[in-house]
Protein backbone atom coordinates (compact mmCIF):
# COMPACT_ATOMS: atom_id res chain seq x y z
CA MET A 1 0.00 0.00 0.00
CA LEU A 2 2.80 2.42 0.92
CA ASN A 3 4.62 1.62 -2.34
CA LYS A 4 1.48 2.47 -4.34
CA LEU A 5 1.04 5.75 -2.46
CA PHE A 6 4.71 6.62 -3.00
CA LYS A 7 4.44 5.91 -6.74
CA LEU A 8 1.26 8.03 -6.95
CA LEU A 9 3.02 10.88 -5.17
CA ILE A 10 5.96 10.68 -7.59
CA ILE A 11 3.57 10.77 -10.57
CA ILE A 12 1.74 13.81 -9.18
CA LEU A 13 5.03 15.64 -8.57
CA LEU A 14 6.22 14.84 -12.09
CA VAL A 15 2.97 16.10 -13.62
CA LEU A 16 3.13 19.30 -11.59
CA GLY A 17 6.78 19.78 -12.50
CA LEU A 18 6.08 19.23 -16.19
CA GLY A 19 3.16 21.65 -16.00
CA PHE A 20 5.38 24.33 -14.50
CA VAL A 21 8.06 23.79 -17.15
CA LEU A 22 5.47 24.14 -19.91
CA LEU A 23 4.04 27.32 -18.32
CA TYR A 24 7.53 28.73 -17.86
CA TYR A 25 8.52 28.29 -21.50
CA ALA A 26 5.12 29.40 -22.76
CA TYR A 27 4.83 32.61 -20.73
CA ASN A 28 8.22 33.58 -19.31
CA LYS A 29 9.65 36.74 -20.86
CA PRO A 30 12.94 38.52 -20.22
CA LEU A 31 12.83 41.93 -18.59
CA PRO A 32 12.65 44.46 -21.46
CA GLN A 33 15.26 47.14 -21.97
CA GLY A 34 14.19 50.77 -22.02
CA VAL A 35 15.53 54.30 -21.99
CA SER A 36 15.37 56.48 -18.89
CA GLY A 37 15.09 60.25 -18.95
CA PRO A 38 12.60 63.04 -19.65
CA GLU A 39 10.53 61.08 -22.19
CA ALA A 40 9.94 58.23 -19.73
CA ASP A 41 9.01 60.71 -17.02
CA ALA A 42 6.65 62.51 -19.42
CA LEU A 43 4.81 59.23 -20.09
CA ALA A 44 4.56 58.63 -16.33
CA TYR A 45 3.04 62.11 -15.87
CA ARG A 46 0.58 61.43 -18.69
CA MET A 47 -0.56 58.30 -16.87
CA LEU A 48 -1.00 60.23 -13.63
CA ASP A 49 -2.98 62.96 -15.40
CA ALA A 50 -5.31 60.33 -16.91
CA LEU A 51 -6.02 58.98 -13.42
CA HIS A 52 -6.74 62.41 -11.88
CA TYR A 53 -3.63 62.38 -9.72
CA GLU A 54 -4.37 65.73 -8.09
CA LYS A 55 -7.74 64.44 -6.91
CA TYR A 56 -6.09 61.25 -5.62
CA ASN A 57 -3.44 63.29 -3.82
CA ASN A 58 -6.14 65.40 -2.14
CA SER A 59 -8.08 62.31 -1.01
CA GLN A 60 -7.57 61.71 2.69
CA VAL A 61 -9.08 58.22 3.15
CA LEU A 62 -9.01 55.18 0.85
CA GLU A 63 -11.32 52.23 1.48
CA TRP A 64 -11.20 48.78 -0.14
CA SER A 65 -10.87 45.08 0.56
CA PHE A 66 -8.51 42.55 -0.97
CA ARG A 67 -10.15 39.37 -2.28
CA ASP A 68 -12.91 40.08 0.28
CA GLU A 69 -10.51 38.85 2.96
CA HIS A 70 -8.61 41.92 4.18
CA ILE A 71 -10.71 45.05 4.80
CA TYR A 72 -9.00 48.45 4.83
CA SER A 73 -9.56 52.07 5.76
CA TRP A 74 -6.33 53.99 5.05
CA ASN A 75 -6.01 57.55 6.28
CA LYS A 76 -3.25 58.86 4.01
CA THR A 77 -3.10 62.20 5.83
CA LYS A 78 -2.53 60.64 9.27
CA ALA A 79 -0.54 57.66 7.91
CA THR A 80 -2.77 55.20 9.77
CA VAL A 81 -4.63 52.12 8.58
CA GLN A 82 -7.49 50.10 10.04
CA ILE A 83 -7.11 46.49 8.85
CA LYS A 84 -9.54 43.66 9.58
CA TRP A 85 -9.29 39.98 8.74
CA ASP A 86 -10.80 36.89 10.35
CA SER A 87 -11.31 37.81 14.03
CA TYR A 88 -8.45 40.37 14.07
CA SER A 89 -8.46 44.15 13.82
CA ILE A 90 -5.27 46.20 13.69
CA ALA A 91 -4.92 49.94 14.18
CA LEU A 92 -1.70 50.28 12.19
CA ASP A 93 0.60 53.27 12.56
CA LEU A 94 2.69 53.47 9.38
CA ILE A 95 5.13 55.99 10.83
CA SER A 96 5.67 54.17 14.13
CA PRO A 97 4.58 50.55 13.68
CA SER A 98 5.52 49.71 17.29
CA SER A 99 2.69 52.04 18.38
CA SER A 100 0.12 49.96 16.50
CA ILE A 101 -2.65 48.21 18.44
CA ALA A 102 -4.06 44.75 17.75
CA TYR A 103 -7.44 43.31 18.75
CA LYS A 104 -8.94 39.85 18.62
CA ASP A 105 -12.73 39.62 18.85
CA ASP A 106 -12.67 43.32 19.89
CA VAL A 107 -10.40 42.56 22.86
CA ARG A 108 -7.11 44.43 22.89
CA LEU A 109 -4.09 42.14 22.84
CA SER A 110 -0.94 42.59 24.88
CA TYR A 111 2.22 44.05 23.35
CA GLU A 112 3.79 40.60 23.15
CA GLU A 113 0.71 39.04 21.55
CA SER A 114 0.45 41.90 19.03
CA GLN A 115 3.90 41.88 17.45
CA ASP A 116 3.46 39.01 14.98
CA LEU A 117 0.02 40.30 14.00
CA ILE A 118 1.35 43.82 13.41
CA GLU A 119 4.15 42.45 11.22
CA LYS A 120 1.60 40.39 9.28
CA ALA A 121 -0.65 43.46 8.89
CA ILE A 122 2.24 45.48 7.45
CA GLY A 123 2.90 42.72 4.92
CA TYR A 124 -0.76 42.57 3.97
CA PHE A 125 -0.95 46.33 3.60
CA ASN A 126 2.21 46.61 1.47
CA ASN A 127 0.89 43.99 -0.96
CA ASP A 128 -2.80 44.86 -0.99
CA SER A 129 -2.39 48.64 -1.24
CA PHE A 130 -0.03 48.19 -4.21
CA TRP A 131 -2.88 46.53 -6.12
CA LEU A 132 -4.96 49.62 -5.37
CA VAL A 133 -2.57 52.53 -5.95
CA ALA A 134 0.42 51.20 -7.93
CA PRO A 135 0.02 53.72 -10.79
CA TYR A 136 0.29 56.57 -8.29
CA LYS A 137 3.63 55.23 -6.98
CA VAL A 138 5.69 55.65 -10.16
CA PHE A 139 7.63 58.57 -8.69
CA ASP A 140 8.15 57.08 -5.23
CA ALA A 141 11.64 57.35 -3.75
CA GLY A 142 13.83 54.58 -5.18
CA THR A 143 11.92 54.18 -8.45
CA GLU A 144 13.45 54.26 -11.91
CA ARG A 145 11.38 54.81 -15.07
CA TYR A 146 12.16 53.66 -18.62
CA LEU A 147 10.45 54.16 -21.96
CA VAL A 148 10.00 50.80 -23.72
CA ASP A 149 9.09 50.24 -27.38
CA LEU A 150 6.31 47.65 -27.56
CA GLU A 151 5.70 45.16 -30.37
CA ASP A 152 2.57 46.96 -31.56
CA GLY A 153 4.51 50.20 -32.09
CA SER A 154 3.24 51.93 -28.94
CA GLU A 155 5.30 52.83 -25.89
CA GLY A 156 5.18 51.27 -22.44
CA LEU A 157 6.40 52.56 -19.10
CA LEU A 158 8.78 50.27 -17.22
CA VAL A 159 9.01 51.09 -13.51
CA THR A 160 11.64 49.41 -11.31
CA TYR A 161 11.54 49.71 -7.52
CA LYS A 162 15.13 49.75 -6.36
CA LYS A 163 14.11 50.01 -2.70
CA GLY A 164 11.02 50.14 -0.52
CA GLY A 165 8.20 47.68 0.13
CA ASP A 166 8.78 44.01 0.84
CA THR A 167 10.48 43.03 -2.42
CA PRO A 168 12.88 45.68 -3.72
CA GLY A 169 14.04 45.05 -7.27
CA ASP A 170 10.60 44.28 -8.68
CA SER A 171 9.73 45.73 -12.10
CA TYR A 172 6.40 46.48 -13.81
CA LEU A 173 5.80 47.33 -17.45
CA TRP A 174 2.69 49.50 -17.78
CA ILE A 175 0.64 49.07 -20.97
CA LEU A 176 -1.38 52.25 -21.55
CA GLU A 177 -4.35 53.37 -23.56
CA PRO A 178 -3.78 56.33 -25.96
CA SER A 179 -5.23 58.57 -23.22
CA GLY A 180 -2.52 57.42 -20.82
CA LYS A 181 -4.88 55.38 -18.63
CA PRO A 182 -3.40 51.99 -17.68
CA LYS A 183 -4.79 48.85 -19.31
CA SER A 184 -2.48 46.32 -17.65
CA PHE A 185 1.01 45.71 -16.40
CA GLN A 186 3.49 42.89 -16.87
CA MET A 187 5.38 41.79 -13.75
CA TRP A 188 8.96 40.75 -13.05
CA VAL A 189 8.81 40.14 -9.30
CA ASN A 190 10.78 38.06 -6.86
CA ILE A 191 7.84 36.03 -5.60
CA ILE A 192 6.74 34.86 -9.08
CA PRO A 193 9.25 32.68 -10.97
CA ILE A 194 7.64 33.38 -14.38
CA GLY A 195 8.62 36.83 -15.66
CA GLY A 196 6.22 38.99 -17.62
CA LEU A 197 2.89 37.71 -16.29
CA GLU A 198 0.20 40.26 -17.14
CA ALA A 199 -2.47 41.65 -14.81
CA SER A 200 -5.34 43.83 -15.99
CA TRP A 201 -5.84 47.41 -14.77
CA ASN A 202 -8.93 48.33 -16.78
CA ASP A 203 -11.81 48.03 -14.33
CA TRP A 204 -11.74 51.58 -12.97
CA LYS A 205 -14.13 53.41 -10.66
CA GLU A 206 -14.45 57.17 -10.28
CA THR A 207 -14.54 57.61 -6.51
CA GLU A 208 -16.24 60.23 -4.35
CA THR A 209 -13.25 62.59 -4.67
CA GLY A 210 -12.95 62.04 -8.44
CA ALA A 211 -9.80 59.92 -8.18
CA LEU A 212 -9.80 56.72 -10.26
CA LEU A 213 -9.17 53.42 -8.48
CA PRO A 214 -9.38 49.80 -9.72
CA THR A 215 -12.16 47.49 -8.57
CA SER A 216 -10.63 44.21 -9.78
CA HIS A 217 -7.71 42.66 -11.65
CA SER A 218 -7.46 39.60 -13.87
CA ILE A 219 -4.39 37.39 -14.16
CA GLY A 220 -5.16 34.67 -16.68
CA PRO A 221 -8.22 32.79 -15.36
CA PHE A 222 -7.91 34.33 -11.87
CA THR A 223 -9.60 37.49 -10.61
CA ILE A 224 -8.51 39.65 -7.69
CA SER A 225 -11.46 41.56 -6.24
CA MET A 226 -10.74 44.91 -4.58
CA GLY A 227 -14.16 44.94 -2.94
CA THR A 228 -16.06 48.19 -2.37
CA VAL A 229 -13.51 50.83 -3.39
CA ASN A 230 -13.72 54.50 -2.50
CA ALA A 231 -11.62 57.62 -1.92
CA LEU A 232 -12.96 60.16 0.58
CA PRO A 233 -12.11 63.83 1.16
């Protein structure tokens, strides 16, 4: 019986390994080369203009959820975030994370009990907020921008994050509409072994402040819901 189970396990692993190899060679792309300088920055500004950057910048609070699992209210002005998942609620201080407060079932946890939860909340926020506001982060400290010639004759904006976040070194190639509004980006990130996977950025909502924010993303057959999205004054 054990021999049969072992053989079945080997077969499953081989099938999974073969599937990954096929996906890798079918979809993996090298990181494109581009040119940095004023033209790349001009394309980045055009993208920001298309998304009403000034209205986004003047928005104080952003609300969304990630895959209907992590629920957020981010006060950009105060640099604080309320995060809820499962039975936990974290009042996260982005400037001084050690001052953050964690609750379970509405009961405040001790400092010692809170530390792992606060670290987890920071990781959630870094990932989940990027899927909400990535286009607005193209001029963040540590970013480099490149103009890339695409196969269809248009131009894409390659943004590389040299520092910051959880995975410095990640790169994203923005594919834009003629207006400058993002349609999708291709990813070269440390946590995904296949380079160039594409995620949609075309399901936009005009929020209460007039800023545009995405409500969902598609990556192949998978959809990432951003829940009820809003930006408040």
